[in-house]
PDB file of N, CA and C in Angstrom:
ATOM      1  N   MET A   1      69.659 224.886-191.516  1.00  0.00           N
ATOM      2  CA  MET A   1      69.702 224.927-190.075  1.00  0.00           C
ATOM      3  C   MET A   1      70.830 224.007-189.580  1.00  0.00           C
ATOM      4  N   THR A   2      71.556 224.419-188.596  1.00  0.00           N
ATOM      5  CA  THR A   2      72.695 223.641-188.117  1.00  0.00           C
ATOM      6  C   THR A   2      72.592 223.381-186.628  1.00  0.00           C
ATOM      7  N   ILE A   3      73.322 222.382-186.191  1.00  0.00           N
ATOM      8  CA  ILE A   3      73.414 222.077-184.762  1.00  0.00           C
ATOM      9  C   ILE A   3      74.713 222.670-184.269  1.00  0.00           C
ATOM     10  N   TRP A   4      74.652 223.544-183.309  1.00  0.00           N
ATOM     11  CA  TRP A   4      75.833 224.199-182.734  1.00  0.00           C
ATOM     12  C   TRP A   4      76.690 224.845-183.814  1.00  0.00           C
ATOM     13  N   GLY A   5      76.062 225.214-184.912  1.00  0.00           N
ATOM     14  CA  GLY A   5      76.783 225.840-186.004  1.00  0.00           C
ATOM     15  C   GLY A   5      77.705 224.893-186.753  1.00  0.00           C
ATOM     16  N   ILE A   6      77.508 223.562-186.600  1.00  0.00           N
ATOM     17  CA  ILE A   6      78.432 222.604-187.202  1.00  0.00           C
ATOM     18  C   ILE A   6      77.900 222.040-188.507  1.00  0.00           C
ATOM     19  N   MET A   7      76.780 221.338-188.486  1.00  0.00           N
ATOM     20  CA  MET A   7      76.285 220.677-189.693  1.00  0.00           C
ATOM     21  C   MET A   7      74.804 220.398-189.599  1.00  0.00           C
ATOM     22  N   GLU A   8      74.272 219.983-190.721  1.00  0.00           N
ATOM     23  CA  GLU A   8      72.859 219.622-190.792  1.00  0.00           C
ATOM     24  C   GLU A   8      72.563 218.441-189.873  1.00  0.00           C
ATOM     25  N   PRO A   9      71.430 218.448-189.199  1.00  0.00           N
ATOM     26  CA  PRO A   9      71.076 217.315-188.332  1.00  0.00           C
ATOM     27  C   PRO A   9      70.981 215.992-189.089  1.00  0.00           C
ATOM     28  N   ARG A  10      70.492 216.043-190.345  1.00  0.00           N
ATOM     29  CA  ARG A  10      70.367 214.822-191.151  1.00  0.00           C
ATOM     30  C   ARG A  10      71.723 214.181-191.395  1.00  0.00           C
ATOM     31  N   ILE A  11      72.709 215.001-191.731  1.00  0.00           N
ATOM     32  CA  ILE A  11      74.049 214.495-192.004  1.00  0.00           C
ATOM     33  C   ILE A  11      74.684 213.981-190.717  1.00  0.00           C
ATOM     34  N   LEU A  12      74.468 214.691-189.617  1.00  0.00           N
ATOM     35  CA  LEU A  12      74.992 214.238-188.321  1.00  0.00           C
ATOM     36  C   LEU A  12      74.414 212.877-187.955  1.00  0.00           C
ATOM     37  N   LEU A  13      73.130 212.678-188.208  1.00  0.00           N
ATOM     38  CA  LEU A  13      72.503 211.380-187.931  1.00  0.00           C
ATOM     39  C   LEU A  13      73.114 210.287-188.795  1.00  0.00           C
ATOM     40  N   PHE A  14      73.378 210.584-190.067  1.00  0.00           N
ATOM     41  CA  PHE A  14      74.026 209.601-190.932  1.00  0.00           C
ATOM     42  C   PHE A  14      75.422 209.248-190.418  1.00  0.00           C
ATOM     43  N   ILE A  15      76.163 210.248-189.952  1.00  0.00           N
ATOM     44  CA  ILE A  15      77.505 209.986-189.422  1.00  0.00           C
ATOM     45  C   ILE A  15      77.430 209.081-188.200  1.00  0.00           C
ATOM     46  N   ILE A  16      76.488 209.343-187.317  1.00  0.00           N
ATOM     47  CA  ILE A  16      76.320 208.494-186.130  1.00  0.00           C
ATOM     48  C   ILE A  16      75.956 207.077-186.543  1.00  0.00           C
ATOM     49  N   LYS A  17      75.038 206.942-187.503  1.00  0.00           N
ATOM     50  CA  LYS A  17      74.648 205.611-187.989  1.00  0.00           C
ATOM     51  C   LYS A  17      75.822 204.891-188.636  1.00  0.00           C
ATOM     52  N   LEU A  18      76.637 205.624-189.411  1.00  0.00           N
ATOM     53  CA  LEU A  18      77.782 204.999-190.068  1.00  0.00           C
ATOM     54  C   LEU A  18      78.817 204.519-189.057  1.00  0.00           C
ATOM     55  N   VAL A  19      79.076 205.295-188.026  1.00  0.00           N
ATOM     56  CA  VAL A  19      80.051 204.882-187.012  1.00  0.00           C
ATOM     57  C   VAL A  19      79.540 203.652-186.263  1.00  0.00           C
ATOM     58  N   ALA A  20      78.289 203.715-185.799  1.00  0.00           N
ATOM     59  CA  ALA A  20      77.724 202.571-185.074  1.00  0.00           C
ATOM     60  C   ALA A  20      77.627 201.345-185.982  1.00  0.00           C
ATOM     61  N   GLY A  21      77.195 201.541-187.218  1.00  0.00           N
ATOM     62  CA  GLY A  21      77.094 200.426-188.162  1.00  0.00           C
ATOM     63  C   GLY A  21      78.448 199.843-188.517  1.00  0.00           C
ATOM     64  N   GLY A  22      79.460 200.686-188.599  1.00  0.00           N
ATOM     65  CA  GLY A  22      80.811 200.210-188.868  1.00  0.00           C
ATOM     66  C   GLY A  22      81.337 199.334-187.751  1.00  0.00           C
ATOM     67  N   ILE A  23      81.062 199.743-186.519  1.00  0.00           N
ATOM     68  CA  ILE A  23      81.482 198.932-185.363  1.00  0.00           C
ATOM     69  C   ILE A  23      80.758 197.584-185.383  1.00  0.00           C
ATOM     70  N   VAL A  24      79.457 197.606-185.656  1.00  0.00           N
ATOM     71  CA  VAL A  24      78.686 196.359-185.713  1.00  0.00           C
ATOM     72  C   VAL A  24      79.202 195.462-186.833  1.00  0.00           C
ATOM     73  N   ALA A  25      79.473 196.036-188.003  1.00  0.00           N
ATOM     74  CA  ALA A  25      79.971 195.236-189.122  1.00  0.00           C
ATOM     75  C   ALA A  25      81.333 194.626-188.796  1.00  0.00           C
ATOM     76  N   PHE A  26      82.203 195.398-188.161  1.00  0.00           N
ATOM     77  CA  PHE A  26      83.520 194.888-187.777  1.00  0.00           C
ATOM     78  C   PHE A  26      83.392 193.734-186.792  1.00  0.00           C
ATOM     79  N   LEU A  27      82.553 193.905-185.778  1.00  0.00           N
ATOM     80  CA  LEU A  27      82.357 192.836-184.791  1.00  0.00           C
ATOM     81  C   LEU A  27      81.685 191.614-185.419  1.00  0.00           C
ATOM     82  N   ALA A  28      80.802 191.843-186.386  1.00  0.00           N
ATOM     83  CA  ALA A  28      80.158 190.716-187.077  1.00  0.00           C
ATOM     84  C   ALA A  28      81.191 189.910-187.852  1.00  0.00           C
ATOM     85  N   ILE A  29      82.134 190.595-188.488  1.00  0.00           N
ATOM     86  CA  ILE A  29      83.184 189.886-189.215  1.00  0.00           C
ATOM     87  C   ILE A  29      84.067 189.096-188.245  1.00  0.00           C
ATOM     88  N   LEU A  30      84.376 189.687-187.096  1.00  0.00           N
ATOM     89  CA  LEU A  30      85.162 188.956-186.091  1.00  0.00           C
ATOM     90  C   LEU A  30      84.410 187.724-185.602  1.00  0.00           C
ATOM     91  N   LEU A  31      83.115 187.859-185.385  1.00  0.00           N
ATOM     92  CA  LEU A  31      82.306 186.733-184.929  1.00  0.00           C
ATOM     93  C   LEU A  31      82.259 185.640-185.991  1.00  0.00           C
ATOM     94  N   MET A  32      82.191 186.038-187.249  1.00  0.00           N
ATOM     95  CA  MET A  32      82.131 185.056-188.330  1.00  0.00           C
ATOM     96  C   MET A  32      83.381 184.192-188.365  1.00  0.00           C
ATOM     97  N   SER A  33      84.521 184.767-187.978  1.00  0.00           N
ATOM     98  CA  SER A  33      85.744 183.966-187.974  1.00  0.00           C
ATOM     99  C   SER A  33      85.716 182.915-186.860  1.00  0.00           C
ATOM    100  N   LYS A  34      84.915 183.132-185.827  1.00  0.00           N
ATOM    101  CA  LYS A  34      84.807 182.180-184.719  1.00  0.00           C
ATOM    102  C   LYS A  34      83.727 181.124-184.961  1.00  0.00           C
ATOM    103  N   LYS A  35      82.593 181.559-185.481  1.00  0.00           N
ATOM    104  CA  LYS A  35      81.451 180.667-185.710  1.00  0.00           C
ATOM    105  C   LYS A  35      81.296 180.448-187.200  1.00  0.00           C
ATOM    106  N   ARG A  36      81.520 179.240-187.648  1.00  0.00           N
ATOM    107  CA  ARG A  36      81.441 178.959-189.084  1.00  0.00           C
ATOM    108  C   ARG A  36      80.269 178.026-189.395  1.00  0.00           C
ATOM    109  N   THR A  37      79.091 178.472-189.030  1.00  0.00           N
ATOM    110  CA  THR A  37      77.886 177.710-189.343  1.00  0.00           C
ATOM    111  C   THR A  37      76.993 178.556-190.235  1.00  0.00           C
ATOM    112  N   ALA A  38      76.044 177.913-190.896  1.00  0.00           N
ATOM    113  CA  ALA A  38      75.184 178.611-191.850  1.00  0.00           C
ATOM    114  C   ALA A  38      74.335 179.678-191.168  1.00  0.00           C
ATOM    115  N   ASP A  39      73.814 179.365-189.987  1.00  0.00           N
ATOM    116  CA  ASP A  39      72.953 180.340-189.317  1.00  0.00           C
ATOM    117  C   ASP A  39      73.723 181.618-188.962  1.00  0.00           C
ATOM    118  N   TRP A  40      74.926 181.464-188.447  1.00  0.00           N
ATOM    119  CA  TRP A  40      75.734 182.641-188.115  1.00  0.00           C
ATOM    120  C   TRP A  40      76.189 183.365-189.372  1.00  0.00           C
ATOM    121  N   ALA A  41      76.426 182.639-190.446  1.00  0.00           N
ATOM    122  CA  ALA A  41      76.818 183.272-191.708  1.00  0.00           C
ATOM    123  C   ALA A  41      75.706 184.183-192.219  1.00  0.00           C
ATOM    124  N   PHE A  42      74.460 183.711-192.157  1.00  0.00           N
ATOM    125  CA  PHE A  42      73.348 184.539-192.591  1.00  0.00           C
ATOM    126  C   PHE A  42      73.131 185.723-191.656  1.00  0.00           C
ATOM    127  N   LEU A  43      73.350 185.527-190.368  1.00  0.00           N
ATOM    128  CA  LEU A  43      73.221 186.619-189.413  1.00  0.00           C
ATOM    129  C   LEU A  43      74.258 187.706-189.687  1.00  0.00           C
ATOM    130  N   VAL A  44      75.494 187.303-189.896  1.00  0.00           N
ATOM    131  CA  VAL A  44      76.563 188.251-190.211  1.00  0.00           C
ATOM    132  C   VAL A  44      76.287 188.933-191.557  1.00  0.00           C
ATOM    133  N   ALA A  45      75.829 188.168-192.532  1.00  0.00           N
ATOM    134  CA  ALA A  45      75.494 188.756-193.836  1.00  0.00           C
ATOM    135  C   ALA A  45      74.396 189.804-193.699  1.00  0.00           C
ATOM    136  N   GLY A  46      73.446 189.561-192.830  1.00  0.00           N
ATOM    137  CA  GLY A  46      72.388 190.541-192.588  1.00  0.00           C
ATOM    138  C   GLY A  46      72.931 191.839-192.025  1.00  0.00           C
ATOM    139  N   PHE A  47      73.862 191.747-191.079  1.00  0.00           N
ATOM    140  CA  PHE A  47      74.468 192.958-190.517  1.00  0.00           C
ATOM    141  C   PHE A  47      75.294 193.698-191.567  1.00  0.00           C
ATOM    142  N   LEU A  48      76.059 192.966-192.356  1.00  0.00           N
ATOM    143  CA  LEU A  48      76.884 193.606-193.387  1.00  0.00           C
ATOM    144  C   LEU A  48      76.015 194.251-194.466  1.00  0.00           C
ATOM    145  N   LEU A  49      74.944 193.584-194.848  1.00  0.00           N
ATOM    146  CA  LEU A  49      74.039 194.162-195.839  1.00  0.00           C
ATOM    147  C   LEU A  49      73.291 195.373-195.289  1.00  0.00           C
ATOM    148  N   SER A  50      73.010 195.372-193.995  1.00  0.00           N
ATOM    149  CA  SER A  50      72.392 196.549-193.371  1.00  0.00           C
ATOM    150  C   SER A  50      73.321 197.750-193.464  1.00  0.00           C
ATOM    151  N   TYR A  51      74.603 197.516-193.222  1.00  0.00           N
ATOM    152  CA  TYR A  51      75.578 198.592-193.316  1.00  0.00           C
ATOM    153  C   TYR A  51      75.718 199.065-194.765  1.00  0.00           C
ATOM    154  N   ALA A  52      75.742 198.128-195.702  1.00  0.00           N
ATOM    155  CA  ALA A  52      75.827 198.501-197.117  1.00  0.00           C
ATOM    156  C   ALA A  52      74.598 199.311-197.541  1.00  0.00           C
ATOM    157  N   ALA A  53      73.426 198.943-197.045  1.00  0.00           N
ATOM    158  CA  ALA A  53      72.206 199.685-197.359  1.00  0.00           C
ATOM    159  C   ALA A  53      72.272 201.100-196.791  1.00  0.00           C
ATOM    160  N   LEU A  54      72.853 201.246-195.607  1.00  0.00           N
ATOM    161  CA  LEU A  54      73.012 202.563-195.008  1.00  0.00           C
ATOM    162  C   LEU A  54      73.947 203.438-195.844  1.00  0.00           C
ATOM    163  N   VAL A  55      75.046 202.864-196.300  1.00  0.00           N
ATOM    164  CA  VAL A  55      75.977 203.606-197.158  1.00  0.00           C
ATOM    165  C   VAL A  55      75.287 203.990-198.469  1.00  0.00           C
ATOM    166  N   TYR A  56      74.538 203.072-199.042  1.00  0.00           N
ATOM    167  CA  TYR A  56      73.799 203.346-200.282  1.00  0.00           C
ATOM    168  C   TYR A  56      72.799 204.488-200.071  1.00  0.00           C
ATOM    169  N   GLU A  57      72.083 204.444-198.961  1.00  0.00           N
ATOM    170  CA  GLU A  57      71.110 205.494-198.647  1.00  0.00           C
ATOM    171  C   GLU A  57      71.802 206.854-198.490  1.00  0.00           C
ATOM    172  N   LEU A  58      72.966 206.872-197.866  1.00  0.00           N
ATOM    173  CA  LEU A  58      73.716 208.110-197.695  1.00  0.00           C
ATOM    174  C   LEU A  58      74.190 208.648-199.043  1.00  0.00           C
ATOM    175  N   LEU A  59      74.677 207.773-199.916  1.00  0.00           N
ATOM    176  CA  LEU A  59      75.138 208.206-201.228  1.00  0.00           C
ATOM    177  C   LEU A  59      73.996 208.772-202.066  1.00  0.00           C
ATOM    178  N   ILE A  60      72.819 208.218-201.920  1.00  0.00           N
ATOM    179  CA  ILE A  60      71.649 208.774-202.611  1.00  0.00           C
ATOM    180  C   ILE A  60      71.289 210.127-202.011  1.00  0.00           C
ATOM    181  N   GLU A  61      71.328 210.219-200.692  1.00  0.00           N
ATOM    182  CA  GLU A  61      70.991 211.471-200.004  1.00  0.00           C
ATOM    183  C   GLU A  61      71.951 212.594-200.402  1.00  0.00           C
ATOM    184  N   LEU A  62      73.222 212.269-200.567  1.00  0.00           N
ATOM    185  CA  LEU A  62      74.220 213.272-200.922  1.00  0.00           C
ATOM    186  C   LEU A  62      74.224 213.584-202.420  1.00  0.00           C
ATOM    187  N   GLY A  63      73.515 212.792-203.215  1.00  0.00           N
ATOM    188  CA  GLY A  63      73.438 213.032-204.642  1.00  0.00           C
ATOM    189  C   GLY A  63      74.549 212.378-205.443  1.00  0.00           C
ATOM    190  N   VAL A  64      75.338 211.524-204.799  1.00  0.00           N
ATOM    191  CA  VAL A  64      76.416 210.824-205.498  1.00  0.00           C
ATOM    192  C   VAL A  64      75.834 209.750-206.410  1.00  0.00           C
ATOM    193  N   LEU A  65      74.821 209.058-205.940  1.00  0.00           N
ATOM    194  CA  LEU A  65      74.130 208.031-206.717  1.00  0.00           C
ATOM    195  C   LEU A  65      72.671 208.434-206.897  1.00  0.00           C
ATOM    196  N   THR A  66      72.041 207.828-207.862  1.00  0.00           N
ATOM    197  CA  THR A  66      70.597 207.995-208.018  1.00  0.00           C
ATOM    198  C   THR A  66      69.957 206.616-207.949  1.00  0.00           C
ATOM    199  N   ALA A  67      68.755 206.584-207.432  1.00  0.00           N
ATOM    200  CA  ALA A  67      68.028 205.315-207.349  1.00  0.00           C
ATOM    201  C   ALA A  67      67.641 204.884-208.761  1.00  0.00           C
ATOM    202  N   THR A  68      67.472 203.598-208.936  1.00  0.00           N
ATOM    203  CA  THR A  68      67.102 203.095-210.252  1.00  0.00           C
ATOM    204  C   THR A  68      65.754 203.667-210.666  1.00  0.00           C
ATOM    205  N   ARG A  69      65.578 203.818-211.958  1.00  0.00           N
ATOM    206  CA  ARG A  69      64.309 204.371-212.429  1.00  0.00           C
ATOM    207  C   ARG A  69      63.226 203.313-212.518  1.00  0.00           C
ATOM    208  N   TYR A  70      63.611 202.041-212.420  1.00  0.00           N
ATOM    209  CA  TYR A  70      62.631 200.958-212.427  1.00  0.00           C
ATOM    210  C   TYR A  70      62.122 200.761-211.012  1.00  0.00           C
ATOM    211  N   GLY A  71      60.841 200.552-210.881  1.00  0.00           N
ATOM    212  CA  GLY A  71      60.296 200.420-209.549  1.00  0.00           C
ATOM    213  C   GLY A  71      59.183 199.398-209.453  1.00  0.00           C
ATOM    214  N   LEU A  72      58.925 199.012-208.233  1.00  0.00           N
ATOM    215  CA  LEU A  72      57.792 198.152-207.899  1.00  0.00           C
ATOM    216  C   LEU A  72      56.953 198.899-206.877  1.00  0.00           C
ATOM    217  N   TRP A  73      55.695 199.076-207.171  1.00  0.00           N
ATOM    218  CA  TRP A  73      54.775 199.783-206.286  1.00  0.00           C
ATOM    219  C   TRP A  73      55.274 201.198-205.964  1.00  0.00           C
ATOM    220  N   GLY A  74      55.937 201.811-206.926  1.00  0.00           N
ATOM    221  CA  GLY A  74      56.413 203.174-206.738  1.00  0.00           C
ATOM    222  C   GLY A  74      57.723 203.301-205.966  1.00  0.00           C
ATOM    223  N   ILE A  75      58.331 202.174-205.632  1.00  0.00           N
ATOM    224  CA  ILE A  75      59.597 202.174-204.887  1.00  0.00           C
ATOM    225  C   ILE A  75      60.699 201.723-205.841  1.00  0.00           C
ATOM    226  N   PRO A  76      61.808 202.471-205.923  1.00  0.00           N
ATOM    227  CA  PRO A  76      62.907 202.022-206.796  1.00  0.00           C
ATOM    228  C   PRO A  76      63.394 200.627-206.393  1.00  0.00           C
ATOM    229  N   VAL A  77      63.691 199.789-207.395  1.00  0.00           N
ATOM    230  CA  VAL A  77      64.080 198.397-207.133  1.00  0.00           C
ATOM    231  C   VAL A  77      65.333 198.332-206.258  1.00  0.00           C
ATOM    232  N   SER A  78      66.315 199.194-206.527  1.00  0.00           N
ATOM    233  CA  SER A  78      67.549 199.162-205.731  1.00  0.00           C
ATOM    234  C   SER A  78      67.269 199.488-204.264  1.00  0.00           C
ATOM    235  N   THR A  79      66.402 200.444-204.008  1.00  0.00           N
ATOM    236  CA  THR A  79      66.040 200.792-202.636  1.00  0.00           C
ATOM    237  C   THR A  79      65.271 199.659-201.976  1.00  0.00           C
ATOM    238  N   LEU A  80      64.382 199.032-202.739  1.00  0.00           N
ATOM    239  CA  LEU A  80      63.605 197.905-202.210  1.00  0.00           C
ATOM    240  C   LEU A  80      64.516 196.737-201.839  1.00  0.00           C
ATOM    241  N   ILE A  81      65.506 196.455-202.683  1.00  0.00           N
ATOM    242  CA  ILE A  81      66.452 195.366-202.394  1.00  0.00           C
ATOM    243  C   ILE A  81      67.269 195.694-201.142  1.00  0.00           C
ATOM    244  N   CYS A  82      67.748 196.928-201.044  1.00  0.00           N
ATOM    245  CA  CYS A  82      68.551 197.321-199.880  1.00  0.00           C
ATOM    246  C   CYS A  82      67.736 197.284-198.591  1.00  0.00           C
ATOM    247  N   ALA A  83      66.449 197.509-198.692  1.00  0.00           N
ATOM    248  CA  ALA A  83      65.598 197.504-197.500  1.00  0.00           C
ATOM    249  C   ALA A  83      65.199 196.099-197.066  1.00  0.00           C
ATOM    250  N   THR A  84      65.069 195.177-198.031  1.00  0.00           N
ATOM    251  CA  THR A  84      64.539 193.858-197.684  1.00  0.00           C
ATOM    252  C   THR A  84      65.595 192.760-197.551  1.00  0.00           C
ATOM    253  N   LEU A  85      66.708 192.884-198.235  1.00  0.00           N
ATOM    254  CA  LEU A  85      67.715 191.816-198.225  1.00  0.00           C
ATOM    255  C   LEU A  85      68.294 191.541-196.831  1.00  0.00           C
ATOM    256  N   PRO A  86      68.630 192.575-196.027  1.00  0.00           N
ATOM    257  CA  PRO A  86      69.129 192.265-194.677  1.00  0.00           C
ATOM    258  C   PRO A  86      68.089 191.509-193.836  1.00  0.00           C
ATOM    259  N   SER A  87      66.844 191.923-193.919  1.00  0.00           N
ATOM    260  CA  SER A  87      65.792 191.234-193.160  1.00  0.00           C
ATOM    261  C   SER A  87      65.616 189.799-193.625  1.00  0.00           C
ATOM    262  N   LEU A  88      65.766 189.574-194.914  1.00  0.00           N
ATOM    263  CA  LEU A  88      65.675 188.217-195.445  1.00  0.00           C
ATOM    264  C   LEU A  88      66.795 187.342-194.889  1.00  0.00           C
ATOM    265  N   CYS A  89      68.002 187.894-194.809  1.00  0.00           N
ATOM    266  CA  CYS A  89      69.128 187.139-194.226  1.00  0.00           C
ATOM    267  C   CYS A  89      68.861 186.819-192.755  1.00  0.00           C
ATOM    268  N   PHE A  90      68.346 187.805-192.007  1.00  0.00           N
ATOM    269  CA  PHE A  90      68.020 187.553-190.599  1.00  0.00           C
ATOM    270  C   PHE A  90      66.950 186.478-190.475  1.00  0.00           C
ATOM    271  N   LEU A  91      65.942 186.539-191.331  1.00  0.00           N
ATOM    272  CA  LEU A  91      64.864 185.550-191.319  1.00  0.00           C
ATOM    273  C   LEU A  91      65.398 184.151-191.570  1.00  0.00           C
ATOM    274  N   ILE A  92      66.251 184.002-192.568  1.00  0.00           N
ATOM    275  CA  ILE A  92      66.834 182.689-192.877  1.00  0.00           C
ATOM    276  C   ILE A  92      67.686 182.199-191.708  1.00  0.00           C
ATOM    277  N   ALA A  93      68.465 183.103-191.109  1.00  0.00           N
ATOM    278  CA  ALA A  93      69.309 182.715-189.968  1.00  0.00           C
ATOM    279  C   ALA A  93      68.461 182.207-188.807  1.00  0.00           C
ATOM    280  N   PHE A  94      67.386 182.911-188.510  1.00  0.00           N
ATOM    281  CA  PHE A  94      66.546 182.491-187.379  1.00  0.00           C
ATOM    282  C   PHE A  94      65.809 181.190-187.677  1.00  0.00           C
ATOM    283  N   ILE A  95      65.406 180.990-188.922  1.00  0.00           N
ATOM    284  CA  ILE A  95      64.758 179.723-189.283  1.00  0.00           C
ATOM    285  C   ILE A  95      65.734 178.570-189.119  1.00  0.00           C
ATOM    286  N   ILE A  96      66.984 178.761-189.559  1.00  0.00           N
ATOM    287  CA  ILE A  96      67.997 177.709-189.410  1.00  0.00           C
ATOM    288  C   ILE A  96      68.245 177.431-187.929  1.00  0.00           C
ATOM    289  N   MET A  97      68.342 178.494-187.113  1.00  0.00           N
ATOM    290  CA  MET A  97      68.557 178.308-185.671  1.00  0.00           C
ATOM    291  C   MET A  97      67.414 177.547-185.020  1.00  0.00           C
ATOM    292  N   LEU A  98      66.183 177.885-185.409  1.00  0.00           N
ATOM    293  CA  LEU A  98      65.022 177.194-184.837  1.00  0.00           C
ATOM    294  C   LEU A  98      64.943 175.745-185.321  1.00  0.00           C
ATOM    295  N   ALA A  99      65.347 175.496-186.551  1.00  0.00           N
ATOM    296  CA  ALA A  99      65.288 174.139-187.090  1.00  0.00           C
ATOM    297  C   ALA A  99      66.307 173.226-186.431  1.00  0.00           C
ATOM    298  N   LYS A 100      67.393 173.805-185.941  1.00  0.00           N
ATOM    299  CA  LYS A 100      68.427 172.995-185.258  1.00  0.00           C
ATOM    300  C   LYS A 100      67.943 172.445-183.927  1.00  0.00           C
ATOM    301  N   ARG A 101      67.014 173.127-183.308  1.00  0.00           N
ATOM    302  CA  ARG A 101      66.595 172.734-181.952  1.00  0.00           C
ATOM    303  C   ARG A 101      65.615 171.637-181.965  1.00  0.00           C
TER     304      ARG A 101
END
């Protein structure tokens, strides 16, 4: 099934996510050059890892890569790492920000 005869809705959604995520990653890198503190570094790392996880998810969806065969609780380890690492960076950044106050 296609949208306006162009492409699959799933692929179109990935393209939209990649464009928006690319803009966010670019702006995060620009911000990192201005703010050189640990909390901002972890925040920027979280955004960059989110974008990397999105690219990884797209490559799996397209069949270019396969998820690792090792898993925890039925979830491939590579997918689990890509899903949790950005949130962990955000968590560390917010803890550092709160500890400064």
